Amino acid sequence: MNLQKNKWDKSTLEDCCEFFRGVTYSNKDEVDYDGFGILRANNIDLNNKINFQDIKRISSDLIIKEEKRLKKNDIFICTASGSLEHIGKVAFVNSDTEYFAGGFMGIIRPKTDYVNPYFLFSVFLSPLFQNLIQSQRAGTNIQNLKFSDIANNEIPLPSEKEQTQIAELFQSIETTIEQAEQQENNLLKLKKL
């Protein structure tokens, strides 16, 4: 892969995507079953994947905007938490879901005519973004992240072809890691026999 970093444009996050805050609700809106599924920070695992365990449900009588539903190519982000380590935690949404982002979460929806969604996700995983998050929370007890805090920050924006190459490379690495983890799990199961 021959990347032309010196020719890359820059863009702001605001130009690359839209941002939607998650659904806010009260304890009285929670139900045990047959309601809207709400994903929260605990639904993003350490590998930046969405897990569908411990899903909150809220009454289907509530009116929720469709834009708050997690859709294919969205980036699911933790924007508020009692723990600083969770702020800025992200996961990529591989397919449309029936679930909505919770109140302390946000949805970054890439403008697909402008940026490759998985390339943008890789930016959110990069030291560039992690340093930005660290600088936003430095010296503060407030443990939340507003999109307006990061919207005007510039990110590198390679050509469409290079974005696709970078996204495919990261996806290939991710697939290889998943396969290796699966093989390791299979070997551990065999050892127990």
N, C-alpha and C. Protein backbone atom coordinates (compact mmCIF):
# COMPACT_ATOMS: atom_id res chain seq x y z
N MET A 1 0.85 -1.17 0.00
CA MET A 1 0.00 0.00 0.00
C MET A 1 0.90 1.23 0.00
N ASN A 2 0.70 2.08 -0.98
CA ASN A 2 1.51 3.29 -1.11
C ASN A 2 0.63 4.50 -0.80
N LEU A 3 0.68 4.94 0.47
CA LEU A 3 -0.15 6.06 0.90
C LEU A 3 0.59 7.38 0.71
N GLN A 4 -0.12 8.37 0.26
CA GLN A 4 0.46 9.69 -0.03
C GLN A 4 0.10 10.67 1.09
N LYS A 5 0.61 10.43 2.29
CA LYS A 5 0.24 11.23 3.46
C LYS A 5 0.48 12.72 3.25
N ASN A 6 1.53 13.05 2.55
CA ASN A 6 1.84 14.47 2.35
C ASN A 6 0.80 15.19 1.47
N LYS A 7 -0.04 14.43 0.79
CA LYS A 7 -1.06 15.03 -0.07
C LYS A 7 -2.47 14.96 0.54
N TRP A 8 -2.57 14.43 1.74
CA TRP A 8 -3.88 14.30 2.37
C TRP A 8 -4.46 15.66 2.75
N ASP A 9 -5.73 15.80 2.52
CA ASP A 9 -6.44 16.99 2.99
C ASP A 9 -6.71 16.83 4.48
N LYS A 10 -7.27 17.87 5.04
CA LYS A 10 -7.74 17.83 6.43
C LYS A 10 -9.23 18.16 6.40
N SER A 11 -9.93 17.66 7.38
CA SER A 11 -11.34 17.95 7.49
C SER A 11 -11.71 18.00 8.97
N THR A 12 -12.77 18.69 9.29
CA THR A 12 -13.23 18.68 10.68
C THR A 12 -14.19 17.51 10.85
N LEU A 13 -14.33 17.07 12.08
CA LEU A 13 -15.30 16.00 12.36
C LEU A 13 -16.70 16.46 11.98
N GLU A 14 -16.99 17.72 12.22
CA GLU A 14 -18.31 18.26 11.90
C GLU A 14 -18.62 18.13 10.41
N ASP A 15 -17.61 18.27 9.56
CA ASP A 15 -17.82 18.13 8.12
C ASP A 15 -18.01 16.67 7.70
N CYS A 16 -17.42 15.75 8.48
CA CYS A 16 -17.42 14.32 8.12
C CYS A 16 -18.64 13.56 8.58
N CYS A 17 -19.33 14.08 9.60
CA CYS A 17 -20.39 13.26 10.21
C CYS A 17 -21.46 14.11 10.86
N GLU A 18 -22.53 13.42 11.22
CA GLU A 18 -23.59 14.01 12.03
C GLU A 18 -23.48 13.37 13.41
N PHE A 19 -24.00 14.06 14.42
CA PHE A 19 -23.97 13.52 15.77
C PHE A 19 -25.37 13.54 16.35
N PHE A 20 -25.74 12.43 17.01
CA PHE A 20 -27.05 12.33 17.65
C PHE A 20 -26.85 11.85 19.08
N ARG A 21 -27.40 12.58 20.03
CA ARG A 21 -27.38 12.15 21.44
C ARG A 21 -28.34 10.98 21.60
N GLY A 22 -28.03 10.14 22.57
CA GLY A 22 -28.88 8.98 22.84
C GLY A 22 -30.19 9.36 23.51
N VAL A 23 -31.01 8.34 23.76
CA VAL A 23 -32.34 8.49 24.34
C VAL A 23 -32.22 8.69 25.85
N THR A 24 -32.83 9.74 26.35
CA THR A 24 -32.89 9.93 27.81
C THR A 24 -34.24 9.41 28.30
N TYR A 25 -34.21 8.80 29.45
CA TYR A 25 -35.42 8.21 30.03
C TYR A 25 -35.23 8.14 31.53
N SER A 26 -36.32 7.90 32.25
CA SER A 26 -36.24 7.79 33.70
C SER A 26 -36.45 6.33 34.10
N ASN A 27 -36.19 6.04 35.37
CA ASN A 27 -36.36 4.67 35.88
C ASN A 27 -37.78 4.17 35.68
N LYS A 28 -38.75 5.07 35.77
CA LYS A 28 -40.15 4.64 35.62
C LYS A 28 -40.47 4.22 34.19
N ASP A 29 -39.62 4.58 33.23
CA ASP A 29 -39.83 4.18 31.83
C ASP A 29 -39.30 2.78 31.55
N GLU A 30 -38.49 2.22 32.48
CA GLU A 30 -37.89 0.91 32.26
C GLU A 30 -38.93 -0.19 32.39
N VAL A 31 -38.80 -1.20 31.53
CA VAL A 31 -39.67 -2.37 31.56
C VAL A 31 -38.78 -3.62 31.51
N ASP A 32 -39.36 -4.76 31.87
CA ASP A 32 -38.58 -6.01 31.89
C ASP A 32 -38.47 -6.66 30.51
N TYR A 33 -39.46 -6.46 29.66
CA TYR A 33 -39.45 -7.06 28.32
C TYR A 33 -40.40 -6.29 27.42
N ASP A 34 -40.38 -6.61 26.15
CA ASP A 34 -41.28 -5.99 25.15
C ASP A 34 -41.21 -4.47 25.12
N GLY A 35 -40.05 -3.93 25.17
CA GLY A 35 -39.90 -2.49 25.04
C GLY A 35 -38.78 -2.20 24.05
N PHE A 36 -38.45 -0.94 23.91
CA PHE A 36 -37.32 -0.55 23.07
C PHE A 36 -36.02 -0.98 23.76
N GLY A 37 -35.11 -1.58 23.01
CA GLY A 37 -33.80 -1.96 23.54
C GLY A 37 -32.87 -0.77 23.54
N ILE A 38 -32.20 -0.55 24.66
CA ILE A 38 -31.29 0.58 24.82
C ILE A 38 -29.88 0.06 25.10
N LEU A 39 -28.92 0.49 24.29
CA LEU A 39 -27.53 0.11 24.49
C LEU A 39 -26.79 1.22 25.22
N ARG A 40 -25.92 0.80 26.15
CA ARG A 40 -25.20 1.75 27.00
C ARG A 40 -23.70 1.48 26.92
N ALA A 41 -22.93 2.17 27.73
CA ALA A 41 -21.46 2.03 27.70
C ALA A 41 -21.03 0.60 27.96
N ASN A 42 -21.74 -0.12 28.84
CA ASN A 42 -21.36 -1.51 29.13
C ASN A 42 -21.59 -2.43 27.93
N ASN A 43 -22.26 -1.94 26.90
CA ASN A 43 -22.48 -2.73 25.69
C ASN A 43 -21.36 -2.57 24.67
N ILE A 44 -20.32 -1.82 25.03
CA ILE A 44 -19.11 -1.74 24.21
C ILE A 44 -18.03 -2.49 24.96
N ASP A 45 -17.51 -3.56 24.36
CA ASP A 45 -16.51 -4.36 25.06
C ASP A 45 -15.10 -3.78 24.87
N LEU A 46 -14.13 -4.45 25.46
CA LEU A 46 -12.75 -3.97 25.42
C LEU A 46 -12.14 -4.00 24.02
N ASN A 47 -12.75 -4.77 23.12
CA ASN A 47 -12.27 -4.86 21.73
C ASN A 47 -13.03 -3.91 20.80
N ASN A 48 -13.73 -2.95 21.38
CA ASN A 48 -14.50 -1.97 20.61
C ASN A 48 -15.57 -2.63 19.75
N LYS A 49 -16.21 -3.65 20.32
CA LYS A 49 -17.31 -4.34 19.67
C LYS A 49 -18.56 -4.14 20.52
N ILE A 50 -19.70 -4.20 19.87
CA ILE A 50 -20.95 -4.13 20.60
C ILE A 50 -21.30 -5.53 21.09
N ASN A 51 -21.61 -5.63 22.39
CA ASN A 51 -22.14 -6.89 22.90
C ASN A 51 -23.61 -6.64 23.26
N PHE A 52 -24.40 -7.65 23.09
CA PHE A 52 -25.84 -7.50 23.27
C PHE A 52 -26.30 -8.19 24.55
N GLN A 53 -25.49 -8.04 25.60
CA GLN A 53 -25.84 -8.57 26.92
C GLN A 53 -26.24 -7.40 27.80
N ASP A 54 -27.10 -7.68 28.76
CA ASP A 54 -27.53 -6.66 29.73
C ASP A 54 -28.09 -5.42 29.04
N ILE A 55 -29.09 -5.64 28.21
CA ILE A 55 -29.74 -4.55 27.48
C ILE A 55 -30.90 -4.01 28.31
N LYS A 56 -30.92 -2.71 28.49
CA LYS A 56 -32.05 -2.05 29.15
C LYS A 56 -33.22 -2.03 28.18
N ARG A 57 -34.41 -2.11 28.72
CA ARG A 57 -35.62 -1.98 27.92
C ARG A 57 -36.46 -0.85 28.51
N ILE A 58 -37.00 -0.03 27.61
CA ILE A 58 -37.90 1.05 28.06
C ILE A 58 -39.23 0.90 27.33
N SER A 59 -40.23 1.48 27.90
CA SER A 59 -41.60 1.34 27.40
C SER A 59 -41.71 1.72 25.93
N SER A 60 -42.42 0.89 25.19
CA SER A 60 -42.64 1.18 23.78
C SER A 60 -43.69 2.29 23.60
N ASP A 61 -44.25 2.78 24.71
CA ASP A 61 -45.18 3.91 24.64
C ASP A 61 -44.44 5.23 24.46
N LEU A 62 -43.15 5.24 24.73
CA LEU A 62 -42.37 6.46 24.57
C LEU A 62 -42.19 6.76 23.08
N ILE A 63 -42.08 8.02 22.77
CA ILE A 63 -41.83 8.45 21.39
C ILE A 63 -40.33 8.71 21.27
N ILE A 64 -39.68 7.93 20.39
CA ILE A 64 -38.25 8.04 20.20
C ILE A 64 -37.97 8.36 18.74
N LYS A 65 -37.12 9.33 18.51
CA LYS A 65 -36.76 9.67 17.13
C LYS A 65 -35.95 8.54 16.50
N GLU A 66 -36.26 8.24 15.27
CA GLU A 66 -35.60 7.16 14.54
C GLU A 66 -34.09 7.40 14.40
N GLU A 67 -33.68 8.65 14.38
CA GLU A 67 -32.25 8.97 14.24
C GLU A 67 -31.42 8.44 15.40
N LYS A 68 -32.06 8.07 16.51
CA LYS A 68 -31.35 7.56 17.69
C LYS A 68 -31.19 6.04 17.66
N ARG A 69 -31.67 5.41 16.59
CA ARG A 69 -31.50 3.96 16.41
C ARG A 69 -30.13 3.72 15.76
N LEU A 70 -29.41 2.71 16.25
CA LEU A 70 -28.09 2.40 15.69
C LEU A 70 -28.25 1.72 14.34
N LYS A 71 -27.57 2.28 13.35
CA LYS A 71 -27.67 1.81 11.98
C LYS A 71 -26.30 1.42 11.44
N LYS A 72 -26.33 0.68 10.36
CA LYS A 72 -25.09 0.25 9.71
C LYS A 72 -24.19 1.46 9.46
N ASN A 73 -22.90 1.29 9.76
CA ASN A 73 -21.85 2.29 9.57
C ASN A 73 -21.81 3.38 10.63
N ASP A 74 -22.69 3.31 11.64
CA ASP A 74 -22.62 4.27 12.74
C ASP A 74 -21.42 3.95 13.62
N ILE A 75 -20.98 4.97 14.33
CA ILE A 75 -19.97 4.80 15.37
C ILE A 75 -20.66 5.15 16.68
N PHE A 76 -20.73 4.16 17.55
CA PHE A 76 -21.40 4.26 18.84
C PHE A 76 -20.37 4.73 19.85
N ILE A 77 -20.63 5.83 20.56
CA ILE A 77 -19.62 6.43 21.43
C ILE A 77 -20.19 6.75 22.80
N CYS A 78 -19.38 6.52 23.83
CA CYS A 78 -19.74 6.88 25.20
C CYS A 78 -19.39 8.35 25.40
N THR A 79 -20.37 9.14 25.78
CA THR A 79 -20.16 10.58 25.95
C THR A 79 -20.22 11.03 27.41
N ALA A 80 -20.68 10.16 28.30
CA ALA A 80 -20.74 10.52 29.72
C ALA A 80 -20.68 9.24 30.55
N SER A 81 -19.99 9.33 31.69
CA SER A 81 -19.85 8.15 32.52
C SER A 81 -19.31 8.56 33.88
N GLY A 82 -19.54 7.70 34.85
CA GLY A 82 -18.93 7.89 36.16
C GLY A 82 -17.45 7.55 36.14
N SER A 83 -17.01 6.95 35.05
CA SER A 83 -15.61 6.54 34.92
C SER A 83 -14.98 7.24 33.72
N LEU A 84 -13.89 7.95 33.95
CA LEU A 84 -13.21 8.67 32.87
C LEU A 84 -12.75 7.74 31.76
N GLU A 85 -12.43 6.49 32.11
CA GLU A 85 -11.92 5.55 31.11
C GLU A 85 -12.96 5.22 30.04
N HIS A 86 -14.24 5.39 30.37
CA HIS A 86 -15.29 5.06 29.40
C HIS A 86 -15.53 6.19 28.39
N ILE A 87 -15.18 7.41 28.77
CA ILE A 87 -15.43 8.55 27.89
C ILE A 87 -14.64 8.38 26.59
N GLY A 88 -15.36 8.45 25.46
CA GLY A 88 -14.71 8.31 24.16
C GLY A 88 -14.61 6.88 23.67
N LYS A 89 -15.07 5.91 24.47
CA LYS A 89 -15.05 4.51 24.06
C LYS A 89 -16.01 4.35 22.88
N VAL A 90 -15.57 3.66 21.82
CA VAL A 90 -16.37 3.56 20.60
C VAL A 90 -16.50 2.11 20.12
N ALA A 91 -17.54 1.89 19.33
CA ALA A 91 -17.74 0.61 18.64
C ALA A 91 -18.33 0.93 17.27
N PHE A 92 -17.99 0.08 16.29
CA PHE A 92 -18.51 0.24 14.93
C PHE A 92 -19.75 -0.62 14.79
N VAL A 93 -20.78 -0.07 14.16
CA VAL A 93 -22.03 -0.80 13.95
C VAL A 93 -22.00 -1.41 12.56
N ASN A 94 -21.93 -2.74 12.50
CA ASN A 94 -21.78 -3.45 11.22
C ASN A 94 -23.07 -3.59 10.42
N SER A 95 -24.21 -3.54 11.10
CA SER A 95 -25.48 -3.70 10.39
C SER A 95 -26.58 -2.94 11.13
N ASP A 96 -27.67 -2.69 10.44
CA ASP A 96 -28.80 -2.01 11.08
C ASP A 96 -29.25 -2.83 12.29
N THR A 97 -29.66 -2.13 13.35
CA THR A 97 -30.11 -2.81 14.57
C THR A 97 -31.50 -2.35 14.94
N GLU A 98 -32.05 -3.04 15.91
CA GLU A 98 -33.34 -2.63 16.47
C GLU A 98 -33.14 -1.83 17.75
N TYR A 99 -31.87 -1.55 18.09
CA TYR A 99 -31.53 -0.91 19.36
C TYR A 99 -31.25 0.59 19.20
N PHE A 100 -31.48 1.29 20.31
CA PHE A 100 -31.25 2.73 20.37
C PHE A 100 -30.09 3.02 21.31
N ALA A 101 -29.41 4.14 21.07
CA ALA A 101 -28.34 4.59 21.96
C ALA A 101 -28.96 5.14 23.24
N GLY A 102 -28.37 4.81 24.38
CA GLY A 102 -28.84 5.32 25.67
C GLY A 102 -28.42 6.76 25.88
N GLY A 103 -28.91 7.34 26.96
CA GLY A 103 -28.74 8.76 27.24
C GLY A 103 -27.32 9.25 27.41
N PHE A 104 -26.41 8.40 27.89
CA PHE A 104 -25.03 8.82 28.09
C PHE A 104 -24.16 8.43 26.91
N MET A 105 -24.82 8.12 25.81
CA MET A 105 -24.14 7.66 24.61
C MET A 105 -24.47 8.60 23.46
N GLY A 106 -23.74 8.43 22.38
CA GLY A 106 -24.01 9.20 21.18
C GLY A 106 -23.81 8.34 19.95
N ILE A 107 -24.32 8.84 18.85
CA ILE A 107 -24.16 8.18 17.56
C ILE A 107 -23.45 9.15 16.64
N ILE A 108 -22.32 8.70 16.10
CA ILE A 108 -21.62 9.46 15.08
C ILE A 108 -21.97 8.79 13.77
N ARG A 109 -22.65 9.52 12.92
CA ARG A 109 -23.12 8.96 11.65
C ARG A 109 -22.31 9.58 10.52
N PRO A 110 -21.35 8.82 9.97
CA PRO A 110 -20.49 9.35 8.90
C PRO A 110 -21.30 9.75 7.66
N LYS A 111 -20.88 10.84 7.05
CA LYS A 111 -21.46 11.25 5.77
C LYS A 111 -20.74 10.41 4.71
N THR A 112 -21.39 9.34 4.28
CA THR A 112 -20.74 8.34 3.44
C THR A 112 -20.31 8.86 2.08
N ASP A 113 -20.87 9.97 1.64
CA ASP A 113 -20.42 10.56 0.37
C ASP A 113 -19.14 11.37 0.57
N TYR A 114 -18.72 11.49 1.83
CA TYR A 114 -17.58 12.33 2.17
C TYR A 114 -16.43 11.53 2.79
N VAL A 115 -16.80 10.52 3.58
CA VAL A 115 -15.78 9.76 4.31
C VAL A 115 -16.19 8.29 4.40
N ASN A 116 -15.21 7.40 4.30
CA ASN A 116 -15.44 5.97 4.47
C ASN A 116 -15.73 5.74 5.96
N PRO A 117 -16.88 5.14 6.29
CA PRO A 117 -17.24 4.97 7.70
C PRO A 117 -16.21 4.22 8.54
N TYR A 118 -15.64 3.15 7.98
CA TYR A 118 -14.68 2.39 8.77
C TYR A 118 -13.35 3.15 8.90
N PHE A 119 -13.01 3.93 7.90
CA PHE A 119 -11.83 4.80 8.03
C PHE A 119 -12.05 5.77 9.18
N LEU A 120 -13.23 6.39 9.24
CA LEU A 120 -13.51 7.33 10.33
C LEU A 120 -13.46 6.63 11.67
N PHE A 121 -13.98 5.41 11.74
CA PHE A 121 -13.89 4.62 12.97
C PHE A 121 -12.43 4.42 13.38
N SER A 122 -11.58 4.13 12.40
CA SER A 122 -10.16 3.94 12.71
C SER A 122 -9.54 5.23 13.26
N VAL A 123 -10.03 6.37 12.82
CA VAL A 123 -9.56 7.65 13.36
C VAL A 123 -9.94 7.74 14.84
N PHE A 124 -11.15 7.31 15.18
CA PHE A 124 -11.60 7.36 16.57
C PHE A 124 -10.81 6.40 17.46
N LEU A 125 -10.22 5.37 16.89
CA LEU A 125 -9.39 4.44 17.64
C LEU A 125 -7.93 4.91 17.74
N SER A 126 -7.58 5.89 16.96
CA SER A 126 -6.18 6.32 16.83
C SER A 126 -5.71 7.13 18.03
N PRO A 127 -4.39 7.18 18.22
CA PRO A 127 -3.83 8.06 19.27
C PRO A 127 -4.25 9.52 19.07
N LEU A 128 -4.43 9.94 17.82
CA LEU A 128 -4.87 11.31 17.53
C LEU A 128 -6.16 11.63 18.30
N PHE A 129 -7.15 10.75 18.18
CA PHE A 129 -8.43 10.97 18.85
C PHE A 129 -8.31 10.75 20.35
N GLN A 130 -7.60 9.71 20.75
CA GLN A 130 -7.47 9.42 22.18
C GLN A 130 -6.78 10.58 22.90
N ASN A 131 -5.78 11.19 22.27
CA ASN A 131 -5.13 12.37 22.86
C ASN A 131 -6.09 13.55 22.95
N LEU A 132 -6.93 13.70 21.95
CA LEU A 132 -7.94 14.76 21.96
C LEU A 132 -8.91 14.55 23.13
N ILE A 133 -9.35 13.33 23.33
CA ILE A 133 -10.26 13.03 24.45
C ILE A 133 -9.56 13.33 25.78
N GLN A 134 -8.30 12.90 25.90
CA GLN A 134 -7.54 13.16 27.12
C GLN A 134 -7.44 14.66 27.40
N SER A 135 -7.19 15.44 26.35
CA SER A 135 -7.06 16.89 26.55
C SER A 135 -8.39 17.53 26.94
N GLN A 136 -9.50 16.98 26.47
CA GLN A 136 -10.81 17.53 26.80
C GLN A 136 -11.18 17.28 28.26
N ARG A 137 -10.71 16.16 28.80
CA ARG A 137 -11.09 15.86 30.18
C ARG A 137 -10.00 16.20 31.19
N ALA A 138 -8.86 16.70 30.73
CA ALA A 138 -7.76 17.05 31.64
C ALA A 138 -8.18 18.18 32.57
N GLY A 139 -7.94 17.99 33.85
CA GLY A 139 -8.20 19.05 34.83
C GLY A 139 -9.66 19.31 35.11
N THR A 140 -10.52 18.36 34.80
CA THR A 140 -11.94 18.57 35.06
C THR A 140 -12.53 17.37 35.77
N ASN A 141 -13.52 17.63 36.60
CA ASN A 141 -14.24 16.54 37.25
C ASN A 141 -15.47 16.16 36.43
N ILE A 142 -15.77 16.95 35.45
CA ILE A 142 -16.94 16.67 34.61
C ILE A 142 -16.58 15.53 33.68
N GLN A 143 -17.35 14.49 33.76
CA GLN A 143 -17.03 13.30 32.99
C GLN A 143 -18.01 13.14 31.84
N ASN A 144 -18.01 14.14 30.97
CA ASN A 144 -18.82 14.00 29.77
C ASN A 144 -18.12 14.69 28.60
N LEU A 145 -18.55 14.29 27.44
CA LEU A 145 -17.95 14.78 26.21
C LEU A 145 -19.08 15.29 25.32
N LYS A 146 -19.01 16.56 24.98
CA LYS A 146 -20.00 17.12 24.06
C LYS A 146 -19.40 17.11 22.66
N PHE A 147 -20.22 16.84 21.67
CA PHE A 147 -19.72 16.83 20.31
C PHE A 147 -19.14 18.19 19.95
N SER A 148 -19.73 19.24 20.49
CA SER A 148 -19.22 20.59 20.20
C SER A 148 -17.77 20.76 20.68
N ASP A 149 -17.35 19.94 21.67
CA ASP A 149 -15.97 20.01 22.16
C ASP A 149 -14.97 19.50 21.13
N ILE A 150 -15.41 18.61 20.25
CA ILE A 150 -14.48 17.98 19.30
C ILE A 150 -14.84 18.25 17.84
N ALA A 151 -15.99 18.86 17.59
CA ALA A 151 -16.51 19.01 16.22
C ALA A 151 -15.56 19.74 15.28
N ASN A 152 -14.84 20.72 15.78
CA ASN A 152 -13.98 21.53 14.91
C ASN A 152 -12.54 21.03 14.82
N ASN A 153 -12.26 19.93 15.47
CA ASN A 153 -10.91 19.36 15.39
C ASN A 153 -10.71 18.73 14.02
N GLU A 154 -9.51 18.94 13.51
CA GLU A 154 -9.21 18.42 12.18
C GLU A 154 -8.69 16.99 12.25
N ILE A 155 -9.06 16.24 11.23
CA ILE A 155 -8.55 14.88 11.07
C ILE A 155 -7.98 14.78 9.66
N PRO A 156 -7.05 13.84 9.44
CA PRO A 156 -6.54 13.65 8.08
C PRO A 156 -7.64 13.06 7.20
N LEU A 157 -7.69 13.50 5.96
CA LEU A 157 -8.70 12.97 5.04
C LEU A 157 -8.02 12.58 3.74
N PRO A 158 -7.59 11.32 3.65
CA PRO A 158 -6.97 10.83 2.41
C PRO A 158 -7.99 10.81 1.28
N SER A 159 -7.50 10.49 0.11
CA SER A 159 -8.41 10.33 -1.03
C SER A 159 -9.39 9.19 -0.74
N GLU A 160 -10.45 9.13 -1.48
CA GLU A 160 -11.45 8.07 -1.29
C GLU A 160 -10.81 6.69 -1.44
N LYS A 161 -9.93 6.55 -2.44
CA LYS A 161 -9.26 5.27 -2.68
C LYS A 161 -8.40 4.89 -1.48
N GLU A 162 -7.65 5.84 -0.93
CA GLU A 162 -6.78 5.55 0.21
C GLU A 162 -7.60 5.26 1.47
N GLN A 163 -8.70 5.98 1.65
CA GLN A 163 -9.57 5.69 2.79
C GLN A 163 -10.05 4.24 2.73
N THR A 164 -10.45 3.81 1.53
CA THR A 164 -10.92 2.44 1.35
C THR A 164 -9.79 1.44 1.65
N GLN A 165 -8.59 1.72 1.17
CA GLN A 165 -7.45 0.83 1.43
C GLN A 165 -7.17 0.72 2.93
N ILE A 166 -7.18 1.85 3.61
CA ILE A 166 -6.91 1.87 5.05
C ILE A 166 -8.00 1.11 5.79
N ALA A 167 -9.25 1.37 5.44
CA ALA A 167 -10.38 0.68 6.08
C ALA A 167 -10.28 -0.83 5.86
N GLU A 168 -9.97 -1.25 4.64
CA GLU A 168 -9.85 -2.69 4.34
C GLU A 168 -8.70 -3.32 5.11
N LEU A 169 -7.60 -2.59 5.26
CA LEU A 169 -6.46 -3.10 6.02
C LEU A 169 -6.85 -3.33 7.48
N PHE A 170 -7.50 -2.34 8.10
CA PHE A 170 -7.90 -2.48 9.49
C PHE A 170 -8.93 -3.60 9.66
N GLN A 171 -9.86 -3.72 8.72
CA GLN A 171 -10.85 -4.79 8.80
C GLN A 171 -10.18 -6.16 8.66
N SER A 172 -9.17 -6.24 7.80
CA SER A 172 -8.44 -7.49 7.61
C SER A 172 -7.69 -7.87 8.89
N ILE A 173 -7.06 -6.90 9.52
CA ILE A 173 -6.36 -7.15 10.78
C ILE A 173 -7.35 -7.61 11.85
N GLU A 174 -8.48 -6.93 11.92
CA GLU A 174 -9.51 -7.29 12.90
C GLU A 174 -10.00 -8.72 12.68
N THR A 175 -10.23 -9.09 11.43
CA THR A 175 -10.68 -10.45 11.12
C THR A 175 -9.62 -11.48 11.52
N THR A 176 -8.37 -11.19 11.25
CA THR A 176 -7.27 -12.09 11.61
C THR A 176 -7.19 -12.27 13.12
N ILE A 177 -7.34 -11.19 13.86
CA ILE A 177 -7.32 -11.26 15.33
C ILE A 177 -8.48 -12.11 15.83
N GLU A 178 -9.68 -11.89 15.28
CA GLU A 178 -10.85 -12.67 15.69
C GLU A 178 -10.65 -14.16 15.41
N GLN A 179 -10.08 -14.47 14.24
CA GLN A 179 -9.83 -15.87 13.90
C GLN A 179 -8.81 -16.49 14.85
N ALA A 180 -7.77 -15.76 15.18
CA ALA A 180 -6.75 -16.26 16.12
C ALA A 180 -7.36 -16.49 17.50
N GLU A 181 -8.21 -15.57 17.95
CA GLU A 181 -8.87 -15.73 19.25
C GLU A 181 -9.78 -16.96 19.24
N GLN A 182 -10.48 -17.17 18.14
CA GLN A 182 -11.37 -18.33 18.03
C GLN A 182 -10.56 -19.62 18.06
N GLN A 183 -9.43 -19.65 17.36
CA GLN A 183 -8.57 -20.84 17.37
C GLN A 183 -8.03 -21.09 18.78
N GLU A 184 -7.65 -20.02 19.47
CA GLU A 184 -7.16 -20.17 20.83
C GLU A 184 -8.25 -20.75 21.73
N ASN A 185 -9.48 -20.26 21.60
CA ASN A 185 -10.60 -20.78 22.38
C ASN A 185 -10.85 -22.26 22.07
N ASN A 186 -10.77 -22.62 20.79
CA ASN A 186 -10.96 -24.01 20.40
C ASN A 186 -9.88 -24.90 21.01
N LEU A 187 -8.64 -24.42 21.00
CA LEU A 187 -7.54 -25.20 21.59
C LEU A 187 -7.73 -25.37 23.10
N LEU A 188 -8.18 -24.33 23.77
CA LEU A 188 -8.42 -24.42 25.20
C LEU A 188 -9.53 -25.43 25.52
N LYS A 189 -10.56 -25.46 24.68
CA LYS A 189 -11.64 -26.44 24.85
C LYS A 189 -11.13 -27.85 24.65
N LEU A 190 -10.28 -28.03 23.65
CA LEU A 190 -9.70 -29.36 23.38
C LEU A 190 -8.82 -29.82 24.55
N LYS A 191 -8.09 -28.88 25.14
CA LYS A 191 -7.22 -29.21 26.28
C LYS A 191 -8.03 -29.74 27.45
N LYS A 192 -9.24 -29.23 27.61
CA LYS A 192 -10.08 -29.62 28.74
C LYS A 192 -10.71 -30.99 28.54
N LEU A 193 -10.70 -31.51 27.32
CA LEU A 193 -11.31 -32.83 27.05
C LEU A 193 -10.50 -33.95 27.64
